[in-house]
Amino acid sequence: MKATLVNGVLLAGLSLLVTPACAVHHPGAYHHRGAYADSARGQQRAYDRGYHHGVQAGTRDWERHWRFDPWRHSRYRNADSGYRSRYGPRQYYSRAYRAGFRAGYERAYGPRGGRRTRHW
């Protein structure tokens, strides 16, 4: 009985030590305190900046009767406009920027190259 109680206490104590380490470390978790404290804010800025640029590009393409193609724009391909190293890895910034760009482009041009309404 005493050995079982000791083993149970040790197991519970060990799980308390292991669980926080596992919960904090997972791919893409750069928003915790440390080297990339501004990462979450940076990814939001990347998305917002990409969205703004996507709206501009989508509006321009739609008005010129060009086909639906966000890839044609160098800002979409480069996806690092406004990047700062404090935002974390560039690849995460770029991913958020492109997502914002596509959303803005589709909003301005129309989803999947469809028709856009003027009352937005």
PDB file of N, CA and C in Angstrom:
ATOM      1  N   MET A   1       0.822  -1.189   0.000  1.00  0.00           N
ATOM      2  CA  MET A   1       0.000   0.000   0.000  1.00  0.00           C
ATOM      3  C   MET A   1       0.863   1.246   0.000  1.00  0.00           C
ATOM      4  N   LYS A   2       1.944   1.224   0.816  1.00  0.00           N
ATOM      5  CA  LYS A   2       2.828   2.382   0.910  1.00  0.00           C
ATOM      6  C   LYS A   2       3.550   2.623  -0.413  1.00  0.00           C
ATOM      7  N   ALA A   3       3.986   1.561  -1.074  1.00  0.00           N
ATOM      8  CA  ALA A   3       4.674   1.690  -2.362  1.00  0.00           C
ATOM      9  C   ALA A   3       3.732   2.230  -3.430  1.00  0.00           C
ATOM     10  N   THR A   4       2.483   1.805  -3.406  1.00  0.00           N
ATOM     11  CA  THR A   4       1.499   2.285  -4.372  1.00  0.00           C
ATOM     12  C   THR A   4       1.226   3.775  -4.175  1.00  0.00           C
ATOM     13  N   LEU A   5       1.129   4.189  -2.928  1.00  0.00           N
ATOM     14  CA  LEU A   5       0.907   5.597  -2.629  1.00  0.00           C
ATOM     15  C   LEU A   5       2.081   6.453  -3.075  1.00  0.00           C
ATOM     16  N   VAL A   6       3.295   5.992  -2.811  1.00  0.00           N
ATOM     17  CA  VAL A   6       4.497   6.724  -3.224  1.00  0.00           C
ATOM     18  C   VAL A   6       4.569   6.793  -4.742  1.00  0.00           C
ATOM     19  N   ASN A   7       4.298   5.688  -5.423  1.00  0.00           N
ATOM     20  CA  ASN A   7       4.320   5.681  -6.891  1.00  0.00           C
ATOM     21  C   ASN A   7       3.263   6.633  -7.457  1.00  0.00           C
ATOM     22  N   GLY A   8       2.088   6.663  -6.832  1.00  0.00           N
ATOM     23  CA  GLY A   8       1.031   7.566  -7.294  1.00  0.00           C
ATOM     24  C   GLY A   8       1.414   9.023  -7.131  1.00  0.00           C
ATOM     25  N   VAL A   9       2.018   9.361  -6.003  1.00  0.00           N
ATOM     26  CA  VAL A   9       2.452  10.734  -5.765  1.00  0.00           C
ATOM     27  C   VAL A   9       3.556  11.130  -6.738  1.00  0.00           C
ATOM     28  N   LEU A  10       4.518  10.237  -6.951  1.00  0.00           N
ATOM     29  CA  LEU A  10       5.599  10.518  -7.906  1.00  0.00           C
ATOM     30  C   LEU A  10       5.064  10.693  -9.319  1.00  0.00           C
ATOM     31  N   LEU A  11       4.137   9.842  -9.708  1.00  0.00           N
ATOM     32  CA  LEU A  11       3.556   9.942 -11.047  1.00  0.00           C
ATOM     33  C   LEU A  11       2.785  11.257 -11.220  1.00  0.00           C
ATOM     34  N   ALA A  12       2.022  11.645 -10.210  1.00  0.00           N
ATOM     35  CA  ALA A  12       1.278  12.908 -10.274  1.00  0.00           C
ATOM     36  C   ALA A  12       2.233  14.097 -10.342  1.00  0.00           C
ATOM     37  N   GLY A  13       3.295  14.062  -9.536  1.00  0.00           N
ATOM     38  CA  GLY A  13       4.284  15.141  -9.559  1.00  0.00           C
ATOM     39  C   GLY A  13       4.995  15.225 -10.885  1.00  0.00           C
ATOM     40  N   LEU A  14       5.339  14.079 -11.458  1.00  0.00           N
ATOM     41  CA  LEU A  14       6.013  14.049 -12.756  1.00  0.00           C
ATOM     42  C   LEU A  14       5.107  14.591 -13.858  1.00  0.00           C
ATOM     43  N   SER A  15       3.816  14.254 -13.804  1.00  0.00           N
ATOM     44  CA  SER A  15       2.902  14.755 -14.837  1.00  0.00           C
ATOM     45  C   SER A  15       2.742  16.273 -14.759  1.00  0.00           C
ATOM     46  N   LEU A  16       2.827  16.834 -13.555  1.00  0.00           N
ATOM     47  CA  LEU A  16       2.760  18.288 -13.419  1.00  0.00           C
ATOM     48  C   LEU A  16       3.983  18.958 -14.011  1.00  0.00           C
ATOM     49  N   LEU A  17       5.117  18.297 -13.935  1.00  0.00           N
ATOM     50  CA  LEU A  17       6.339  18.859 -14.504  1.00  0.00           C
ATOM     51  C   LEU A  17       6.378  18.739 -16.012  1.00  0.00           C
ATOM     52  N   VAL A  18       5.869  17.657 -16.552  1.00  0.00           N
ATOM     53  CA  VAL A  18       5.951  17.390 -17.983  1.00  0.00           C
ATOM     54  C   VAL A  18       4.878  18.138 -18.759  1.00  0.00           C
ATOM     55  N   THR A  19       3.678  18.242 -18.248  1.00  0.00           N
ATOM     56  CA  THR A  19       2.558  18.830 -18.972  1.00  0.00           C
ATOM     57  C   THR A  19       2.798  20.272 -19.422  1.00  0.00           C
ATOM     58  N   PRO A  20       3.281  21.191 -18.567  1.00  0.00           N
ATOM     59  CA  PRO A  20       3.493  22.549 -19.052  1.00  0.00           C
ATOM     60  C   PRO A  20       4.532  22.625 -20.161  1.00  0.00           C
ATOM     61  N   ALA A  21       5.557  21.814 -20.107  1.00  0.00           N
ATOM     62  CA  ALA A  21       6.580  21.842 -21.154  1.00  0.00           C
ATOM     63  C   ALA A  21       5.990  21.409 -22.481  1.00  0.00           C
ATOM     64  N   CYS A  22       5.156  20.404 -22.465  1.00  0.00           N
ATOM     65  CA  CYS A  22       4.544  19.925 -23.698  1.00  0.00           C
ATOM     66  C   CYS A  22       3.520  20.919 -24.233  1.00  0.00           C
ATOM     67  N   ALA A  23       2.804  21.564 -23.340  1.00  0.00           N
ATOM     68  CA  ALA A  23       1.763  22.489 -23.761  1.00  0.00           C
ATOM     69  C   ALA A  23       2.345  23.745 -24.400  1.00  0.00           C
ATOM     70  N   VAL A  24       3.522  24.159 -23.982  1.00  0.00           N
ATOM     71  CA  VAL A  24       4.114  25.390 -24.489  1.00  0.00           C
ATOM     72  C   VAL A  24       4.840  25.162 -25.806  1.00  0.00           C
ATOM     73  N   HIS A  25       5.478  24.022 -25.950  1.00  0.00           N
ATOM     74  CA  HIS A  25       6.304  23.801 -27.137  1.00  0.00           C
ATOM     75  C   HIS A  25       5.538  23.015 -28.196  1.00  0.00           C
ATOM     76  N   HIS A  26       5.077  23.705 -29.197  1.00  0.00           N
ATOM     77  CA  HIS A  26       4.496  23.062 -30.372  1.00  0.00           C
ATOM     78  C   HIS A  26       4.808  23.947 -31.566  1.00  0.00           C
ATOM     79  N   PRO A  27       4.844  23.383 -32.761  1.00  0.00           N
ATOM     80  CA  PRO A  27       5.194  24.169 -33.945  1.00  0.00           C
ATOM     81  C   PRO A  27       4.302  25.391 -34.108  1.00  0.00           C
ATOM     82  N   GLY A  28       4.897  26.512 -34.329  1.00  0.00           N
ATOM     83  CA  GLY A  28       4.162  27.745 -34.545  1.00  0.00           C
ATOM     84  C   GLY A  28       3.825  28.495 -33.280  1.00  0.00           C
ATOM     85  N   ALA A  29       4.264  28.021 -32.128  1.00  0.00           N
ATOM     86  CA  ALA A  29       3.939  28.688 -30.858  1.00  0.00           C
ATOM     87  C   ALA A  29       4.991  29.728 -30.541  1.00  0.00           C
ATOM     88  N   TYR A  30       5.014  30.789 -31.308  1.00  0.00           N
ATOM     89  CA  TYR A  30       5.993  31.847 -31.093  1.00  0.00           C
ATOM     90  C   TYR A  30       5.382  33.041 -30.387  1.00  0.00           C
ATOM     91  N   HIS A  31       4.140  32.921 -29.927  1.00  0.00           N
ATOM     92  CA  HIS A  31       3.479  34.054 -29.300  1.00  0.00           C
ATOM     93  C   HIS A  31       3.687  34.116 -27.791  1.00  0.00           C
ATOM     94  N   HIS A  32       4.429  33.155 -27.221  1.00  0.00           N
ATOM     95  CA  HIS A  32       4.687  33.225 -25.789  1.00  0.00           C
ATOM     96  C   HIS A  32       5.846  34.159 -25.509  1.00  0.00           C
ATOM     97  N   ARG A  33       6.053  34.477 -24.247  1.00  0.00           N
ATOM     98  CA  ARG A  33       7.129  35.391 -23.886  1.00  0.00           C
ATOM     99  C   ARG A  33       8.464  34.840 -24.351  1.00  0.00           C
ATOM    100  N   GLY A  34       9.335  35.713 -24.743  1.00  0.00           N
ATOM    101  CA  GLY A  34      10.651  35.284 -25.178  1.00  0.00           C
ATOM    102  C   GLY A  34      11.084  36.047 -26.402  1.00  0.00           C
ATOM    103  N   ALA A  35      11.842  35.362 -27.239  1.00  0.00           N
ATOM    104  CA  ALA A  35      12.455  35.998 -28.399  1.00  0.00           C
ATOM    105  C   ALA A  35      11.424  36.559 -29.371  1.00  0.00           C
ATOM    106  N   TYR A  36      10.251  35.939 -29.461  1.00  0.00           N
ATOM    107  CA  TYR A  36       9.248  36.368 -30.434  1.00  0.00           C
ATOM    108  C   TYR A  36       7.992  36.873 -29.738  1.00  0.00           C
ATOM    109  N   ALA A  37       8.168  37.711 -28.760  1.00  0.00           N
ATOM    110  CA  ALA A  37       7.025  38.226 -27.998  1.00  0.00           C
ATOM    111  C   ALA A  37       6.060  39.004 -28.883  1.00  0.00           C
ATOM    112  N   ASP A  38       6.534  39.626 -29.939  1.00  0.00           N
ATOM    113  CA  ASP A  38       5.678  40.414 -30.828  1.00  0.00           C
ATOM    114  C   ASP A  38       5.142  39.601 -32.014  1.00  0.00           C
ATOM    115  N   SER A  39       5.327  38.296 -32.009  1.00  0.00           N
ATOM    116  CA  SER A  39       4.962  37.483 -33.152  1.00  0.00           C
ATOM    117  C   SER A  39       3.465  37.512 -33.457  1.00  0.00           C
ATOM    118  N   ALA A  40       2.631  37.353 -32.445  1.00  0.00           N
ATOM    119  CA  ALA A  40       1.187  37.364 -32.686  1.00  0.00           C
ATOM    120  C   ALA A  40       0.748  38.709 -33.231  1.00  0.00           C
ATOM    121  N   ARG A  41       1.273  39.775 -32.664  1.00  0.00           N
ATOM    122  CA  ARG A  41       0.953  41.121 -33.149  1.00  0.00           C
ATOM    123  C   ARG A  41       1.499  41.305 -34.567  1.00  0.00           C
ATOM    124  N   GLY A  42       2.672  40.760 -34.826  1.00  0.00           N
ATOM    125  CA  GLY A  42       3.268  40.862 -36.155  1.00  0.00           C
ATOM    126  C   GLY A  42       2.477  40.107 -37.201  1.00  0.00           C
ATOM    127  N   GLN A  43       1.964  38.942 -36.831  1.00  0.00           N
ATOM    128  CA  GLN A  43       1.159  38.186 -37.788  1.00  0.00           C
ATOM    129  C   GLN A  43      -0.161  38.887 -38.072  1.00  0.00           C
ATOM    130  N   GLN A  44      -0.725  39.539 -37.068  1.00  0.00           N
ATOM    131  CA  GLN A  44      -1.947  40.306 -37.305  1.00  0.00           C
ATOM    132  C   GLN A  44      -1.654  41.499 -38.219  1.00  0.00           C
ATOM    133  N   ARG A  45      -0.525  42.139 -37.986  1.00  0.00           N
ATOM    134  CA  ARG A  45      -0.141  43.253 -38.865  1.00  0.00           C
ATOM    135  C   ARG A  45       0.107  42.767 -40.283  1.00  0.00           C
ATOM    136  N   ALA A  46       0.730  41.594 -40.408  1.00  0.00           N
ATOM    137  CA  ALA A  46       0.985  41.021 -41.733  1.00  0.00           C
ATOM    138  C   ALA A  46      -0.330  40.773 -42.457  1.00  0.00           C
ATOM    139  N   TYR A  47      -1.292  40.191 -41.757  1.00  0.00           N
ATOM    140  CA  TYR A  47      -2.590  39.920 -42.367  1.00  0.00           C
ATOM    141  C   TYR A  47      -3.267  41.222 -42.782  1.00  0.00           C
ATOM    142  N   ASP A  48      -3.290  42.192 -41.875  1.00  0.00           N
ATOM    143  CA  ASP A  48      -3.932  43.475 -42.174  1.00  0.00           C
ATOM    144  C   ASP A  48      -3.266  44.179 -43.345  1.00  0.00           C
ATOM    145  N   ARG A  49      -1.940  44.169 -43.357  1.00  0.00           N
ATOM    146  CA  ARG A  49      -1.202  44.817 -44.440  1.00  0.00           C
ATOM    147  C   ARG A  49      -1.461  44.105 -45.765  1.00  0.00           C
ATOM    148  N   GLY A  50      -1.433  42.769 -45.722  1.00  0.00           N
ATOM    149  CA  GLY A  50      -1.724  41.986 -46.917  1.00  0.00           C
ATOM    150  C   GLY A  50      -3.139  42.220 -47.410  1.00  0.00           C
ATOM    151  N   TYR A  51      -4.086  42.303 -46.487  1.00  0.00           N
ATOM    152  CA  TYR A  51      -5.482  42.555 -46.860  1.00  0.00           C
ATOM    153  C   TYR A  51      -5.609  43.896 -47.582  1.00  0.00           C
ATOM    154  N   HIS A  52      -4.994  44.913 -47.022  1.00  0.00           N
ATOM    155  CA  HIS A  52      -5.040  46.246 -47.629  1.00  0.00           C
ATOM    156  C   HIS A  52      -4.448  46.217 -49.039  1.00  0.00           C
ATOM    157  N   HIS A  53      -3.284  45.600 -49.182  1.00  0.00           N
ATOM    158  CA  HIS A  53      -2.653  45.524 -50.504  1.00  0.00           C
ATOM    159  C   HIS A  53      -3.471  44.659 -51.459  1.00  0.00           C
ATOM    160  N   GLY A  54      -4.105  43.605 -50.933  1.00  0.00           N
ATOM    161  CA  GLY A  54      -4.949  42.753 -51.767  1.00  0.00           C
ATOM    162  C   GLY A  54      -6.166  43.486 -52.289  1.00  0.00           C
ATOM    163  N   VAL A  55      -6.767  44.315 -51.452  1.00  0.00           N
ATOM    164  CA  VAL A  55      -7.920  45.114 -51.901  1.00  0.00           C
ATOM    165  C   VAL A  55      -7.495  46.064 -53.012  1.00  0.00           C
ATOM    166  N   GLN A  56      -6.356  46.698 -52.839  1.00  0.00           N
ATOM    167  CA  GLN A  56      -5.862  47.606 -53.884  1.00  0.00           C
ATOM    168  C   GLN A  56      -5.635  46.857 -55.193  1.00  0.00           C
ATOM    169  N   ALA A  57      -4.961  45.716 -55.111  1.00  0.00           N
ATOM    170  CA  ALA A  57      -4.640  44.945 -56.314  1.00  0.00           C
ATOM    171  C   ALA A  57      -5.902  44.378 -56.959  1.00  0.00           C
ATOM    172  N   GLY A  58      -6.811  43.844 -56.152  1.00  0.00           N
ATOM    173  CA  GLY A  58      -8.043  43.272 -56.692  1.00  0.00           C
ATOM    174  C   GLY A  58      -8.916  44.316 -57.357  1.00  0.00           C
ATOM    175  N   THR A  59      -8.982  45.491 -56.752  1.00  0.00           N
ATOM    176  CA  THR A  59      -9.766  46.586 -57.341  1.00  0.00           C
ATOM    177  C   THR A  59      -9.169  47.000 -58.682  1.00  0.00           C
ATOM    178  N   ARG A  60      -7.859  47.144 -58.706  1.00  0.00           N
ATOM    179  CA  ARG A  60      -7.172  47.553 -59.937  1.00  0.00           C
ATOM    180  C   ARG A  60      -7.374  46.511 -61.042  1.00  0.00           C
ATOM    181  N   ASP A  61      -7.223  45.230 -60.709  1.00  0.00           N
ATOM    182  CA  ASP A  61      -7.391  44.178 -61.711  1.00  0.00           C
ATOM    183  C   ASP A  61      -8.826  44.115 -62.219  1.00  0.00           C
ATOM    184  N   TRP A  62      -9.785  44.265 -61.308  1.00  0.00           N
ATOM    185  CA  TRP A  62     -11.191  44.209 -61.697  1.00  0.00           C
ATOM    186  C   TRP A  62     -11.552  45.382 -62.610  1.00  0.00           C
ATOM    187  N   GLU A  63     -11.059  46.578 -62.265  1.00  0.00           N
ATOM    188  CA  GLU A  63     -11.360  47.758 -63.080  1.00  0.00           C
ATOM    189  C   GLU A  63     -10.714  47.691 -64.467  1.00  0.00           C
ATOM    190  N   ARG A  64      -9.593  47.008 -64.567  1.00  0.00           N
ATOM    191  CA  ARG A  64      -8.894  46.878 -65.858  1.00  0.00           C
ATOM    192  C   ARG A  64      -9.352  45.651 -66.640  1.00  0.00           C
ATOM    193  N   HIS A  65     -10.305  44.913 -66.076  1.00  0.00           N
ATOM    194  CA  HIS A  65     -10.825  43.693 -66.704  1.00  0.00           C
ATOM    195  C   HIS A  65      -9.740  42.635 -66.894  1.00  0.00           C
ATOM    196  N   TRP A  66      -8.796  42.598 -65.967  1.00  0.00           N
ATOM    197  CA  TRP A  66      -7.771  41.556 -65.989  1.00  0.00           C
ATOM    198  C   TRP A  66      -8.328  40.331 -65.306  1.00  0.00           C
ATOM    199  N   ARG A  67      -7.785  39.178 -65.648  1.00  0.00           N
ATOM    200  CA  ARG A  67      -8.266  37.941 -65.027  1.00  0.00           C
ATOM    201  C   ARG A  67      -7.907  37.899 -63.546  1.00  0.00           C
ATOM    202  N   PHE A  68      -8.622  37.093 -62.804  1.00  0.00           N
ATOM    203  CA  PHE A  68      -8.423  36.910 -61.371  1.00  0.00           C
ATOM    204  C   PHE A  68      -7.095  36.173 -61.157  1.00  0.00           C
ATOM    205  N   ASP A  69      -6.099  36.877 -60.604  1.00  0.00           N
ATOM    206  CA  ASP A  69      -4.782  36.269 -60.417  1.00  0.00           C
ATOM    207  C   ASP A  69      -3.959  37.034 -59.390  1.00  0.00           C
ATOM    208  N   PRO A  70      -4.106  36.719 -58.088  1.00  0.00           N
ATOM    209  CA  PRO A  70      -3.303  37.414 -57.083  1.00  0.00           C
ATOM    210  C   PRO A  70      -1.811  37.142 -57.239  1.00  0.00           C
ATOM    211  N   TRP A  71      -1.456  35.993 -57.817  1.00  0.00           N
ATOM    212  CA  TRP A  71      -0.041  35.605 -57.947  1.00  0.00           C
ATOM    213  C   TRP A  71       0.738  36.564 -58.847  1.00  0.00           C
ATOM    214  N   ARG A  72       0.075  37.263 -59.749  1.00  0.00           N
ATOM    215  CA  ARG A  72       0.766  38.164 -60.675  1.00  0.00           C
ATOM    216  C   ARG A  72       1.445  39.326 -59.943  1.00  0.00           C
ATOM    217  N   HIS A  73       1.017  39.628 -58.739  1.00  0.00           N
ATOM    218  CA  HIS A  73       1.513  40.786 -58.001  1.00  0.00           C
ATOM    219  C   HIS A  73       2.760  40.429 -57.192  1.00  0.00           C
ATOM    220  N   SER A  74       3.789  41.225 -57.338  1.00  0.00           N
ATOM    221  CA  SER A  74       5.053  40.947 -56.648  1.00  0.00           C
ATOM    222  C   SER A  74       4.901  41.013 -55.135  1.00  0.00           C
ATOM    223  N   ARG A  75       4.007  41.862 -54.636  1.00  0.00           N
ATOM    224  CA  ARG A  75       3.792  41.926 -53.189  1.00  0.00           C
ATOM    225  C   ARG A  75       3.261  40.596 -52.659  1.00  0.00           C
ATOM    226  N   TYR A  76       2.416  39.950 -53.409  1.00  0.00           N
ATOM    227  CA  TYR A  76       1.909  38.640 -52.999  1.00  0.00           C
ATOM    228  C   TYR A  76       3.030  37.599 -53.055  1.00  0.00           C
ATOM    229  N   ARG A  77       3.809  37.616 -54.120  1.00  0.00           N
ATOM    230  CA  ARG A  77       4.891  36.632 -54.254  1.00  0.00           C
ATOM    231  C   ARG A  77       5.960  36.817 -53.199  1.00  0.00           C
ATOM    232  N   ASN A  78       6.355  38.054 -52.929  1.00  0.00           N
ATOM    233  CA  ASN A  78       7.403  38.315 -51.935  1.00  0.00           C
ATOM    234  C   ASN A  78       6.865  38.162 -50.511  1.00  0.00           C
ATOM    235  N   ALA A  79       5.709  38.695 -50.256  1.00  0.00           N
ATOM    236  CA  ALA A  79       4.980  38.570 -48.982  1.00  0.00           C
ATOM    237  C   ALA A  79       5.785  38.992 -47.765  1.00  0.00           C
ATOM    238  N   ASP A  80       6.636  40.003 -47.910  1.00  0.00           N
ATOM    239  CA  ASP A  80       7.404  40.455 -46.743  1.00  0.00           C
ATOM    240  C   ASP A  80       7.310  41.962 -46.529  1.00  0.00           C
ATOM    241  N   SER A  81       6.322  42.585 -47.115  1.00  0.00           N
ATOM    242  CA  SER A  81       6.139  44.017 -46.957  1.00  0.00           C
ATOM    243  C   SER A  81       5.836  44.346 -45.505  1.00  0.00           C
ATOM    244  N   GLY A  82       6.679  45.155 -44.888  1.00  0.00           N
ATOM    245  CA  GLY A  82       6.493  45.556 -43.505  1.00  0.00           C
ATOM    246  C   GLY A  82       7.085  44.612 -42.482  1.00  0.00           C
ATOM    247  N   TYR A  83       7.774  43.565 -42.924  1.00  0.00           N
ATOM    248  CA  TYR A  83       8.324  42.573 -41.989  1.00  0.00           C
ATOM    249  C   TYR A  83       9.415  43.174 -41.106  1.00  0.00           C
ATOM    250  N   ARG A  84       9.394  42.827 -39.833  1.00  0.00           N
ATOM    251  CA  ARG A  84      10.438  43.176 -38.863  1.00  0.00           C
ATOM    252  C   ARG A  84      10.858  41.886 -38.171  1.00  0.00           C
ATOM    253  N   SER A  85      12.131  41.739 -37.867  1.00  0.00           N
ATOM    254  CA  SER A  85      12.628  40.502 -37.279  1.00  0.00           C
ATOM    255  C   SER A  85      11.981  40.193 -35.934  1.00  0.00           C
ATOM    256  N   ARG A  86      11.520  41.197 -35.225  1.00  0.00           N
ATOM    257  CA  ARG A  86      10.886  40.956 -33.925  1.00  0.00           C
ATOM    258  C   ARG A  86       9.538  40.242 -34.068  1.00  0.00           C
ATOM    259  N   TYR A  87       9.005  40.173 -35.294  1.00  0.00           N
ATOM    260  CA  TYR A  87       7.746  39.487 -35.529  1.00  0.00           C
ATOM    261  C   TYR A  87       7.905  37.973 -35.575  1.00  0.00           C
ATOM    262  N   GLY A  88       9.115  37.486 -35.497  1.00  0.00           N
ATOM    263  CA  GLY A  88       9.351  36.050 -35.550  1.00  0.00           C
ATOM    264  C   GLY A  88       9.833  35.625 -36.924  1.00  0.00           C
ATOM    265  N   PRO A  89       9.779  34.333 -37.190  1.00  0.00           N
ATOM    266  CA  PRO A  89      10.256  33.814 -38.476  1.00  0.00           C
ATOM    267  C   PRO A  89       9.510  34.429 -39.655  1.00  0.00           C
ATOM    268  N   ARG A  90      10.246  34.738 -40.682  1.00  0.00           N
ATOM    269  CA  ARG A  90       9.686  35.369 -41.878  1.00  0.00           C
ATOM    270  C   ARG A  90       8.611  34.503 -42.530  1.00  0.00           C
ATOM    271  N   GLN A  91       8.790  33.185 -42.469  1.00  0.00           N
ATOM    272  CA  GLN A  91       7.816  32.303 -43.129  1.00  0.00           C
ATOM    273  C   GLN A  91       6.425  32.416 -42.518  1.00  0.00           C
ATOM    274  N   TYR A  92       6.329  32.642 -41.209  1.00  0.00           N
ATOM    275  CA  TYR A  92       5.022  32.813 -40.574  1.00  0.00           C
ATOM    276  C   TYR A  92       4.418  34.166 -40.934  1.00  0.00           C
ATOM    277  N   TYR A  93       5.252  35.184 -41.006  1.00  0.00           N
ATOM    278  CA  TYR A  93       4.794  36.505 -41.428  1.00  0.00           C
ATOM    279  C   TYR A  93       4.268  36.422 -42.858  1.00  0.00           C
ATOM    280  N   SER A  94       5.040  35.778 -43.730  1.00  0.00           N
ATOM    281  CA  SER A  94       4.658  35.661 -45.140  1.00  0.00           C
ATOM    282  C   SER A  94       3.347  34.904 -45.303  1.00  0.00           C
ATOM    283  N   ARG A  95       3.162  33.853 -44.525  1.00  0.00           N
ATOM    284  CA  ARG A  95       1.930  33.069 -44.604  1.00  0.00           C
ATOM    285  C   ARG A  95       0.726  33.936 -44.233  1.00  0.00           C
ATOM    286  N   ALA A  96       0.854  34.720 -43.176  1.00  0.00           N
ATOM    287  CA  ALA A  96      -0.249  35.589 -42.746  1.00  0.00           C
ATOM    288  C   ALA A  96      -0.485  36.700 -43.775  1.00  0.00           C
ATOM    289  N   TYR A  97       0.595  37.262 -44.320  1.00  0.00           N
ATOM    290  CA  TYR A  97       0.463  38.326 -45.327  1.00  0.00           C
ATOM    291  C   TYR A  97      -0.285  37.798 -46.548  1.00  0.00           C
ATOM    292  N   ARG A  98       0.098  36.617 -47.034  1.00  0.00           N
ATOM    293  CA  ARG A  98      -0.563  36.055 -48.224  1.00  0.00           C
ATOM    294  C   ARG A  98      -2.027  35.740 -47.960  1.00  0.00           C
ATOM    295  N   ALA A  99      -2.323  35.246 -46.765  1.00  0.00           N
ATOM    296  CA  ALA A  99      -3.725  34.967 -46.423  1.00  0.00           C
ATOM    297  C   ALA A  99      -4.534  36.264 -46.445  1.00  0.00           C
ATOM    298  N   GLY A 100      -3.993  37.319 -45.889  1.00  0.00           N
ATOM    299  CA  GLY A 100      -4.664  38.609 -45.917  1.00  0.00           C
ATOM    300  C   GLY A 100      -4.795  39.151 -47.326  1.00  0.00           C
ATOM    301  N   PHE A 101      -3.739  39.022 -48.110  1.00  0.00           N
ATOM    302  CA  PHE A 101      -3.760  39.508 -49.497  1.00  0.00           C
ATOM    303  C   PHE A 101      -4.859  38.800 -50.287  1.00  0.00           C
ATOM    304  N   ARG A 102      -4.910  37.463 -50.174  1.00  0.00           N
ATOM    305  CA  ARG A 102      -5.943  36.709 -50.900  1.00  0.00           C
ATOM    306  C   ARG A 102      -7.344  37.122 -50.471  1.00  0.00           C
ATOM    307  N   ALA A 103      -7.544  37.299 -49.159  1.00  0.00           N
ATOM    308  CA  ALA A 103      -8.866  37.696 -48.661  1.00  0.00           C
ATOM    309  C   ALA A 103      -9.253  39.078 -49.193  1.00  0.00           C
ATOM    310  N   GLY A 104      -8.329  40.012 -49.164  1.00  0.00           N
ATOM    311  CA  GLY A 104      -8.597  41.352 -49.677  1.00  0.00           C
ATOM    312  C   GLY A 104      -8.808  41.364 -51.176  1.00  0.00           C
ATOM    313  N   TYR A 105      -8.006  40.586 -51.882  1.00  0.00           N
ATOM    314  CA  TYR A 105      -8.122  40.498 -53.340  1.00  0.00           C
ATOM    315  C   TYR A 105      -9.490  39.932 -53.726  1.00  0.00           C
ATOM    316  N   GLU A 106      -9.886  38.851 -53.050  1.00  0.00           N
ATOM    317  CA  GLU A 106     -11.191  38.255 -53.341  1.00  0.00           C
ATOM    318  C   GLU A 106     -12.327  39.207 -52.982  1.00  0.00           C
ATOM    319  N   ARG A 107     -12.162  39.945 -51.922  1.00  0.00           N
ATOM    320  CA  ARG A 107     -13.199  40.907 -51.503  1.00  0.00           C
ATOM    321  C   ARG A 107     -13.380  42.000 -52.541  1.00  0.00           C
ATOM    322  N   ALA A 108     -12.285  42.471 -53.088  1.00  0.00           N
ATOM    323  CA  ALA A 108     -12.343  43.560 -54.065  1.00  0.00           C
ATOM    324  C   ALA A 108     -12.713  43.064 -55.459  1.00  0.00           C
ATOM    325  N   TYR A 109     -12.196  41.912 -55.847  1.00  0.00           N
ATOM    326  CA  TYR A 109     -12.415  41.404 -57.202  1.00  0.00           C
ATOM    327  C   TYR A 109     -13.676  40.565 -57.278  1.00  0.00           C
ATOM    328  N   GLY A 110     -13.890  39.767 -56.267  1.00  0.00           N
ATOM    329  CA  GLY A 110     -15.007  38.834 -56.225  1.00  0.00           C
ATOM    330  C   GLY A 110     -14.461  37.438 -55.988  1.00  0.00           C
ATOM    331  N   PRO A 111     -15.183  36.602 -55.270  1.00  0.00           N
ATOM    332  CA  PRO A 111     -14.685  35.262 -54.965  1.00  0.00           C
ATOM    333  C   PRO A 111     -14.498  34.425 -56.219  1.00  0.00           C
ATOM    334  N   ARG A 112     -13.350  33.822 -56.312  1.00  0.00           N
ATOM    335  CA  ARG A 112     -12.999  32.941 -57.437  1.00  0.00           C
ATOM    336  C   ARG A 112     -13.203  33.605 -58.786  1.00  0.00           C
ATOM    337  N   GLY A 113     -12.956  34.903 -58.834  1.00  0.00           N
ATOM    338  CA  GLY A 113     -13.054  35.609 -60.100  1.00  0.00           C
ATOM    339  C   GLY A 113     -14.476  35.938 -60.503  1.00  0.00           C
ATOM    340  N   GLY A 114     -15.409  35.816 -59.576  1.00  0.00           N
ATOM    341  CA  GLY A 114     -16.804  36.095 -59.881  1.00  0.00           C
ATOM    342  C   GLY A 114     -17.097  37.581 -59.910  1.00  0.00           C
ATOM    343  N   ARG A 115     -18.365  37.915 -59.999  1.00  0.00           N
ATOM    344  CA  ARG A 115     -18.760  39.312 -60.051  1.00  0.00           C
ATOM    345  C   ARG A 115     -18.762  39.908 -58.666  1.00  0.00           C
ATOM    346  N   ARG A 116     -18.424  41.152 -58.606  1.00  0.00           N
ATOM    347  CA  ARG A 116     -18.380  41.904 -57.354  1.00  0.00           C
ATOM    348  C   ARG A 116     -19.546  42.885 -57.337  1.00  0.00           C
ATOM    349  N   THR A 117     -20.091  43.084 -56.169  1.00  0.00           N
ATOM    350  CA  THR A 117     -21.159  44.074 -56.057  1.00  0.00           C
ATOM    351  C   THR A 117     -20.561  45.390 -55.584  1.00  0.00           C
ATOM    352  N   ARG A 118     -21.175  46.461 -55.963  1.00  0.00           N
ATOM    353  CA  ARG A 118     -20.646  47.794 -55.646  1.00  0.00           C
ATOM    354  C   ARG A 118     -21.080  48.286 -54.273  1.00  0.00           C
ATOM    355  N   HIS A 119     -21.940  47.602 -53.576  1.00  0.00           N
ATOM    356  CA  HIS A 119     -22.454  48.116 -52.301  1.00  0.00           C
ATOM    357  C   HIS A 119     -21.769  47.474 -51.090  1.00  0.00           C
ATOM    358  N   TRP A 120     -20.483  47.375 -51.110  1.00  0.00           N
ATOM    359  CA  TRP A 120     -19.738  46.895 -49.937  1.00  0.00           C
ATOM    360  C   TRP A 120     -18.992  48.023 -49.386  1.00  0.00           C
TER     361      TRP A 120
END
